[in-house]
N, C-alpha and C. Protein backbone atom coordinates (compact mmCIF):
# COMPACT_ATOMS: atom_id res chain seq x y z
N MET A 1 -37.59 -14.86 78.12
CA MET A 1 -36.60 -14.01 77.34
C MET A 1 -35.49 -15.21 76.99
N ARG A 2 -35.19 -15.66 77.89
CA ARG A 2 -33.73 -16.40 77.85
C ARG A 2 -33.95 -17.45 76.67
N SER A 3 -34.70 -17.73 76.04
CA SER A 3 -34.90 -18.73 74.97
C SER A 3 -35.02 -17.74 73.72
N GLU A 4 -35.49 -16.42 73.66
CA GLU A 4 -35.31 -15.73 72.74
C GLU A 4 -34.08 -15.31 72.51
N SER A 5 -33.35 -15.19 73.35
CA SER A 5 -31.51 -14.64 73.26
C SER A 5 -30.95 -15.86 72.73
N ILE A 6 -31.25 -17.27 73.25
CA ILE A 6 -30.50 -18.12 72.95
C ILE A 6 -31.07 -18.64 71.29
N LYS A 7 -32.19 -18.28 70.96
CA LYS A 7 -32.60 -18.59 69.33
C LYS A 7 -31.67 -17.56 68.83
N LEU A 8 -31.83 -16.76 69.09
CA LEU A 8 -31.05 -15.35 68.22
C LEU A 8 -29.63 -15.45 68.14
N LYS A 9 -28.97 -16.06 69.40
CA LYS A 9 -27.68 -16.24 68.67
C LYS A 9 -27.20 -17.51 68.31
N TRP A 10 -28.13 -18.58 68.17
CA TRP A 10 -28.06 -20.09 67.53
C TRP A 10 -28.38 -19.30 66.07
N LEU A 11 -29.49 -18.40 65.46
CA LEU A 11 -29.43 -18.37 64.62
C LEU A 11 -28.44 -17.32 64.01
N LEU A 12 -27.72 -16.50 64.57
CA LEU A 12 -26.71 -15.69 63.89
C LEU A 12 -25.32 -16.15 63.92
N GLY A 13 -25.12 -17.55 64.68
CA GLY A 13 -24.18 -18.07 64.75
C GLY A 13 -23.10 -17.58 65.36
N GLU A 14 -22.98 -16.42 66.50
CA GLU A 14 -21.96 -15.98 66.69
C GLU A 14 -21.87 -16.27 68.43
N SER A 15 -20.31 -16.14 68.57
CA SER A 15 -19.94 -16.31 69.99
C SER A 15 -20.21 -15.15 70.57
N HIS A 16 -19.57 -15.06 72.27
CA HIS A 16 -19.65 -14.10 73.02
C HIS A 16 -17.95 -13.22 72.08
N SER A 17 -17.18 -14.13 72.10
CA SER A 17 -15.91 -13.36 71.82
C SER A 17 -16.17 -13.00 69.97
N GLU A 18 -16.49 -13.44 69.52
CA GLU A 18 -17.09 -12.74 67.94
C GLU A 18 -17.59 -11.65 68.03
N LEU A 19 -18.65 -11.60 69.02
CA LEU A 19 -19.57 -10.46 68.91
C LEU A 19 -18.40 -9.17 69.61
N ARG A 20 -17.88 -9.60 70.61
CA ARG A 20 -17.03 -7.96 70.79
C ARG A 20 -16.22 -7.60 69.79
N SER A 21 -15.67 -8.29 68.83
CA SER A 21 -15.12 -7.79 67.83
C SER A 21 -15.77 -7.41 66.45
N GLN A 22 -17.42 -7.38 66.63
CA GLN A 22 -18.28 -7.08 65.67
C GLN A 22 -18.07 -5.21 65.62
N SER A 23 -18.38 -4.87 64.35
CA SER A 23 -18.58 -3.33 64.37
C SER A 23 -19.91 -3.14 64.13
N LEU A 24 -20.59 -2.17 64.84
CA LEU A 24 -22.06 -1.65 64.93
C LEU A 24 -22.68 -1.54 63.15
N LYS A 25 -21.81 -1.53 62.34
CA LYS A 25 -22.54 -1.72 61.02
C LYS A 25 -23.19 -2.51 60.42
N HIS A 26 -22.91 -3.81 61.03
CA HIS A 26 -23.49 -5.08 60.51
C HIS A 26 -23.35 -6.01 61.80
N GLY A 27 -24.18 -6.82 61.55
CA GLY A 27 -24.06 -8.17 62.23
C GLY A 27 -24.77 -8.12 63.51
N PRO A 28 -24.63 -9.11 64.09
CA PRO A 28 -25.26 -8.84 65.86
C PRO A 28 -25.09 -7.91 66.59
N ALA A 29 -24.39 -7.33 66.63
CA ALA A 29 -23.65 -6.59 67.30
C ALA A 29 -24.71 -5.19 67.52
N SER A 30 -25.13 -4.78 66.10
CA SER A 30 -25.78 -3.97 65.76
C SER A 30 -27.40 -4.19 66.00
N LEU A 31 -27.69 -5.69 65.96
CA LEU A 31 -29.36 -5.56 66.82
C LEU A 31 -29.20 -5.77 68.13
N TYR A 32 -27.96 -6.24 68.10
CA TYR A 32 -28.26 -6.04 70.00
C TYR A 32 -28.22 -4.60 70.51
N TYR A 33 -27.77 -3.69 69.77
CA TYR A 33 -27.47 -1.60 70.05
C TYR A 33 -29.07 -1.54 69.62
N ASP A 34 -29.35 -2.04 68.59
CA ASP A 34 -30.59 -1.40 68.13
C ASP A 34 -31.79 -2.07 69.44
N ASN A 35 -31.85 -2.79 69.81
CA ASN A 35 -32.67 -3.61 70.53
C ASN A 35 -32.67 -2.80 71.71
N LEU A 36 -31.51 -2.17 72.45
CA LEU A 36 -31.52 -1.71 73.23
C LEU A 36 -31.52 -0.28 73.24
N LYS A 37 -31.35 0.46 72.08
CA LYS A 37 -31.85 1.73 71.66
C LYS A 37 -33.19 1.81 71.98
N GLN A 38 -33.76 1.26 71.36
CA GLN A 38 -35.21 1.05 71.21
C GLN A 38 -35.90 0.97 72.60
N ALA A 39 -35.61 0.11 73.75
CA ALA A 39 -36.17 -0.11 74.66
C ALA A 39 -36.02 1.13 75.22
N ILE A 40 -34.69 1.81 75.28
CA ILE A 40 -34.30 3.23 76.20
C ILE A 40 -35.61 4.27 75.42
N LEU A 41 -35.44 4.18 74.29
CA LEU A 41 -36.34 5.23 73.84
C LEU A 41 -37.85 5.12 74.06
N ASN A 42 -38.17 3.89 74.33
CA ASN A 42 -39.81 3.73 74.64
C ASN A 42 -39.55 3.45 76.17
N GLY A 43 -38.76 3.85 76.48
CA GLY A 43 -38.70 4.41 78.63
C GLY A 43 -39.20 3.16 79.08
N ASP A 44 -38.86 1.96 78.32
CA ASP A 44 -39.11 0.30 78.80
C ASP A 44 -37.50 0.02 79.52
N SER A 45 -37.60 0.66 80.86
CA SER A 45 -36.85 0.47 81.62
C SER A 45 -36.49 -1.43 81.98
N ASN A 46 -37.94 -1.94 82.34
CA ASN A 46 -37.88 -3.29 82.53
C ASN A 46 -37.35 -4.44 81.40
N THR A 47 -37.98 -3.97 80.02
CA THR A 47 -36.77 -4.72 79.06
C THR A 47 -35.22 -4.62 78.83
N LEU A 48 -35.15 -3.41 79.03
CA LEU A 48 -33.69 -3.00 78.94
C LEU A 48 -33.03 -3.43 79.85
N LYS A 49 -33.81 -3.88 81.46
CA LYS A 49 -33.12 -4.39 81.89
C LYS A 49 -32.89 -6.21 81.79
N GLU A 50 -34.34 -6.95 81.18
CA GLU A 50 -33.91 -7.92 80.87
C GLU A 50 -32.83 -8.30 79.81
N PHE A 51 -32.71 -7.08 78.99
CA PHE A 51 -31.87 -7.46 78.02
C PHE A 51 -30.27 -7.62 78.73
N LEU A 52 -29.93 -6.36 79.36
CA LEU A 52 -28.76 -6.49 79.54
C LEU A 52 -28.31 -7.34 81.06
N GLU A 53 -29.28 -8.34 81.22
CA GLU A 53 -28.89 -9.46 81.88
C GLU A 53 -27.80 -10.31 81.13
N HIS A 54 -28.44 -10.19 79.80
CA HIS A 54 -27.36 -11.25 79.05
C HIS A 54 -26.23 -10.49 78.64
N GLU A 55 -25.21 -11.48 78.66
CA GLU A 55 -24.00 -11.13 77.93
C GLU A 55 -23.23 -10.62 76.53
N ASP A 56 -24.67 -10.84 75.62
CA ASP A 56 -24.54 -10.36 74.45
C ASP A 56 -24.68 -9.15 74.31
N TYR A 57 -26.02 -8.63 75.01
CA TYR A 57 -26.31 -7.12 74.84
C TYR A 57 -25.16 -6.50 76.12
N ARG A 58 -24.55 -7.05 77.02
CA ARG A 58 -24.06 -6.23 77.75
C ARG A 58 -22.40 -5.48 76.84
N CYS A 59 -22.12 -6.57 76.11
CA CYS A 59 -21.15 -6.44 75.13
C CYS A 59 -21.05 -5.22 74.49
N VAL A 60 -22.26 -4.64 73.69
CA VAL A 60 -22.30 -3.50 73.28
C VAL A 60 -22.65 -2.07 74.21
N VAL A 61 -22.70 -2.31 75.14
CA VAL A 61 -22.92 -0.91 76.02
C VAL A 61 -22.37 0.08 75.79
N ASN A 62 -21.00 -0.12 75.40
CA ASN A 62 -19.91 1.21 75.15
C ASN A 62 -19.99 1.58 73.65
N PHE A 63 -20.81 1.04 72.61
CA PHE A 63 -20.68 1.25 71.33
C PHE A 63 -21.20 2.62 71.06
N LYS A 64 -20.97 3.22 70.02
CA LYS A 64 -21.52 4.26 69.32
C LYS A 64 -22.60 3.72 68.11
N GLY A 65 -23.68 4.21 67.63
CA GLY A 65 -24.66 3.82 66.83
C GLY A 65 -23.93 4.67 65.75
N PRO A 66 -24.83 4.91 64.85
CA PRO A 66 -24.12 5.21 63.34
C PRO A 66 -24.30 7.13 63.63
N ASP A 67 -25.47 7.24 64.78
CA ASP A 67 -25.62 8.61 64.83
C ASP A 67 -24.59 9.20 65.99
N GLY A 68 -23.82 8.73 66.05
CA GLY A 68 -22.68 9.28 66.76
C GLY A 68 -23.15 9.01 68.45
N TYR A 69 -24.03 8.60 68.78
CA TYR A 69 -24.62 8.37 70.40
C TYR A 69 -24.01 6.82 70.56
N ALA A 70 -23.67 6.97 72.04
CA ALA A 70 -23.60 5.57 72.89
C ALA A 70 -24.97 5.51 73.41
N LEU A 71 -25.45 4.77 74.07
CA LEU A 71 -26.31 4.31 74.91
C LEU A 71 -26.79 5.33 75.67
N ILE A 72 -25.91 5.59 76.44
CA ILE A 72 -26.00 6.30 77.89
C ILE A 72 -26.43 7.71 77.11
N HIS A 73 -25.75 8.31 76.20
CA HIS A 73 -26.14 9.45 75.76
C HIS A 73 -27.69 9.56 75.04
N ILE A 74 -28.11 8.65 74.69
CA ILE A 74 -29.74 8.24 74.34
C ILE A 74 -30.70 8.43 75.86
N ALA A 75 -30.22 7.36 76.45
CA ALA A 75 -30.89 7.56 78.04
C ALA A 75 -30.52 9.11 78.60
N ALA A 76 -29.65 9.48 78.32
CA ALA A 76 -29.53 11.15 78.72
C ALA A 76 -30.34 12.11 78.45
N LEU A 77 -30.61 11.82 76.70
CA LEU A 77 -31.56 12.77 75.67
C LEU A 77 -33.15 12.63 76.53
N GLN A 78 -33.22 11.09 77.02
CA GLN A 78 -34.31 11.20 77.14
C GLN A 78 -34.62 11.45 78.97
N ALA A 79 -33.85 11.69 79.29
CA ALA A 79 -33.96 12.04 80.99
C ALA A 79 -34.40 11.21 81.65
N ASP A 80 -34.01 9.92 81.67
CA ASP A 80 -34.24 8.74 81.92
C ASP A 80 -32.98 8.02 82.90
N SER A 81 -33.45 8.48 84.11
CA SER A 81 -32.63 7.93 84.91
C SER A 81 -32.49 6.81 85.39
N VAL A 82 -33.37 5.87 85.19
CA VAL A 82 -33.55 4.50 85.39
C VAL A 82 -32.70 3.93 84.18
N CYS A 83 -32.84 4.38 83.09
CA CYS A 83 -32.25 3.68 82.00
C CYS A 83 -30.36 3.94 82.29
N ILE A 84 -30.21 5.00 83.03
CA ILE A 84 -28.79 5.26 82.89
C ILE A 84 -28.50 4.51 83.98
N ASP A 85 -28.96 4.41 85.11
CA ASP A 85 -28.40 3.40 86.04
C ASP A 85 -28.35 1.93 85.60
N LEU A 86 -29.23 1.39 84.86
CA LEU A 86 -29.12 -0.08 84.46
C LEU A 86 -27.84 0.01 83.71
N LEU A 87 -27.51 1.21 82.59
CA LEU A 87 -26.54 1.14 81.83
C LEU A 87 -25.17 0.95 82.54
N VAL A 88 -25.12 2.17 83.55
CA VAL A 88 -23.60 2.31 83.98
C VAL A 88 -23.53 0.70 84.97
N ASP A 89 -25.03 0.22 85.55
CA ASP A 89 -24.62 -1.14 86.36
C ASP A 89 -24.20 -2.25 85.52
N ALA A 90 -24.69 -1.79 84.36
CA ALA A 90 -24.04 -3.03 83.12
C ALA A 90 -22.89 -2.71 82.63
N GLY A 91 -22.30 -1.82 83.11
CA GLY A 91 -20.46 -1.64 82.66
C GLY A 91 -20.50 -0.41 81.80
N THR A 92 -21.62 0.42 81.34
CA THR A 92 -21.17 1.40 80.52
C THR A 92 -20.54 2.30 81.13
N ARG A 93 -19.41 3.26 80.33
CA ARG A 93 -18.77 4.08 81.02
C ARG A 93 -19.30 5.59 80.65
N PRO A 94 -19.60 6.34 81.93
CA PRO A 94 -20.56 7.28 82.04
C PRO A 94 -19.72 8.24 81.20
N ASN A 95 -18.39 8.47 81.13
CA ASN A 95 -17.60 9.37 80.89
C ASN A 95 -17.57 9.09 78.72
N LEU A 96 -18.16 8.30 78.13
CA LEU A 96 -17.94 8.10 77.05
C LEU A 96 -18.61 9.79 76.32
N HIS A 97 -17.43 10.17 75.12
CA HIS A 97 -17.93 11.01 74.63
C HIS A 97 -18.97 10.80 73.15
N ASP A 98 -19.96 11.68 72.82
CA ASP A 98 -20.73 11.90 71.75
C ASP A 98 -20.06 12.16 70.59
N PHE A 99 -20.44 12.26 69.31
CA PHE A 99 -20.00 12.76 68.08
C PHE A 99 -19.37 14.42 68.45
N GLU A 100 -19.96 15.02 69.09
CA GLU A 100 -19.88 16.22 69.62
C GLU A 100 -18.52 16.23 70.32
N GLY A 101 -18.52 15.80 71.12
CA GLY A 101 -17.29 15.28 72.37
C GLY A 101 -17.75 15.53 73.81
N ARG A 102 -19.07 15.66 74.07
CA ARG A 102 -19.72 15.72 74.96
C ARG A 102 -20.18 14.51 75.97
N ALA A 103 -20.11 14.57 77.10
CA ALA A 103 -20.19 13.11 77.98
C ALA A 103 -21.83 13.13 78.40
N ALA A 104 -22.67 11.98 78.74
CA ALA A 104 -23.71 12.16 79.17
C ALA A 104 -24.30 13.37 80.17
N LEU A 105 -23.32 13.56 81.07
CA LEU A 105 -23.78 14.20 81.98
C LEU A 105 -24.20 15.95 81.07
N HIS A 106 -22.94 16.08 80.53
CA HIS A 106 -23.38 17.68 79.22
C HIS A 106 -24.82 17.48 78.65
N LEU A 107 -24.96 16.42 78.43
CA LEU A 107 -26.43 16.56 77.62
C LEU A 107 -27.70 16.39 79.14
N ILE A 108 -27.35 15.72 79.74
CA ILE A 108 -28.55 16.22 80.84
C ILE A 108 -28.86 17.73 81.16
N VAL A 109 -27.33 18.07 81.44
CA VAL A 109 -27.16 19.75 82.16
C VAL A 109 -27.86 20.70 81.01
N SER A 110 -27.61 20.31 79.91
CA SER A 110 -28.21 21.10 78.64
C SER A 110 -29.76 21.09 78.59
N LYS A 111 -30.22 19.90 78.41
CA LYS A 111 -31.59 19.80 78.58
C LYS A 111 -31.79 19.95 79.48
N SER A 112 -31.80 20.23 80.96
CA SER A 112 -32.19 20.74 81.95
C SER A 112 -32.29 22.29 82.07
N LYS A 113 -31.13 22.98 81.33
CA LYS A 113 -31.03 24.25 81.48
C LYS A 113 -32.21 24.58 80.30
N MET A 114 -32.47 24.06 79.07
CA MET A 114 -33.57 24.37 78.36
C MET A 114 -34.78 24.23 78.55
N PHE A 115 -35.25 23.19 79.73
CA PHE A 115 -36.33 22.96 80.16
C PHE A 115 -36.65 24.18 81.48
N PHE A 116 -35.54 24.57 82.21
CA PHE A 116 -35.69 26.03 83.13
C PHE A 116 -35.87 27.11 82.04
N PHE A 117 -35.39 27.37 81.12
CA PHE A 117 -35.58 28.39 80.09
C PHE A 117 -36.72 28.44 79.69
N CYS A 118 -37.62 27.54 79.28
CA CYS A 118 -38.78 27.27 78.63
C CYS A 118 -39.96 27.75 79.69
N ALA A 119 -39.32 26.88 80.83
CA ALA A 119 -40.25 27.12 81.93
C ALA A 119 -40.28 28.56 82.52
N THR A 120 -39.43 29.37 82.44
CA THR A 120 -39.26 30.43 82.96
C THR A 120 -39.92 31.99 81.94
N VAL A 121 -40.07 31.20 80.70
CA VAL A 121 -40.35 32.28 79.83
C VAL A 121 -41.84 32.44 79.52
């Protein structure tokens, strides 16, 4: 895994400070965000943990994607507490708001309300 990150960094020619200033519309920040997002959507907490061990990936944990969601929102929508814990441990701000002004906790609560409603019907 480490050699892949080094290779990726070498191919992209980006340093950590350059990466921090990137937007998600293009460049390596978008690639790192997409990799983390895919690990969350797959429920692959082991891969997510490996990615988050690298500063390149930790630099984007508070970014919002084109869909208006930060990674913590995606993990909350997946109801994946392990991924949420990994993201928070990596520096994600748990009170980030999505495009509708909702924090991850709001998404978890509304998802559990929907589950409870469907289970009782």
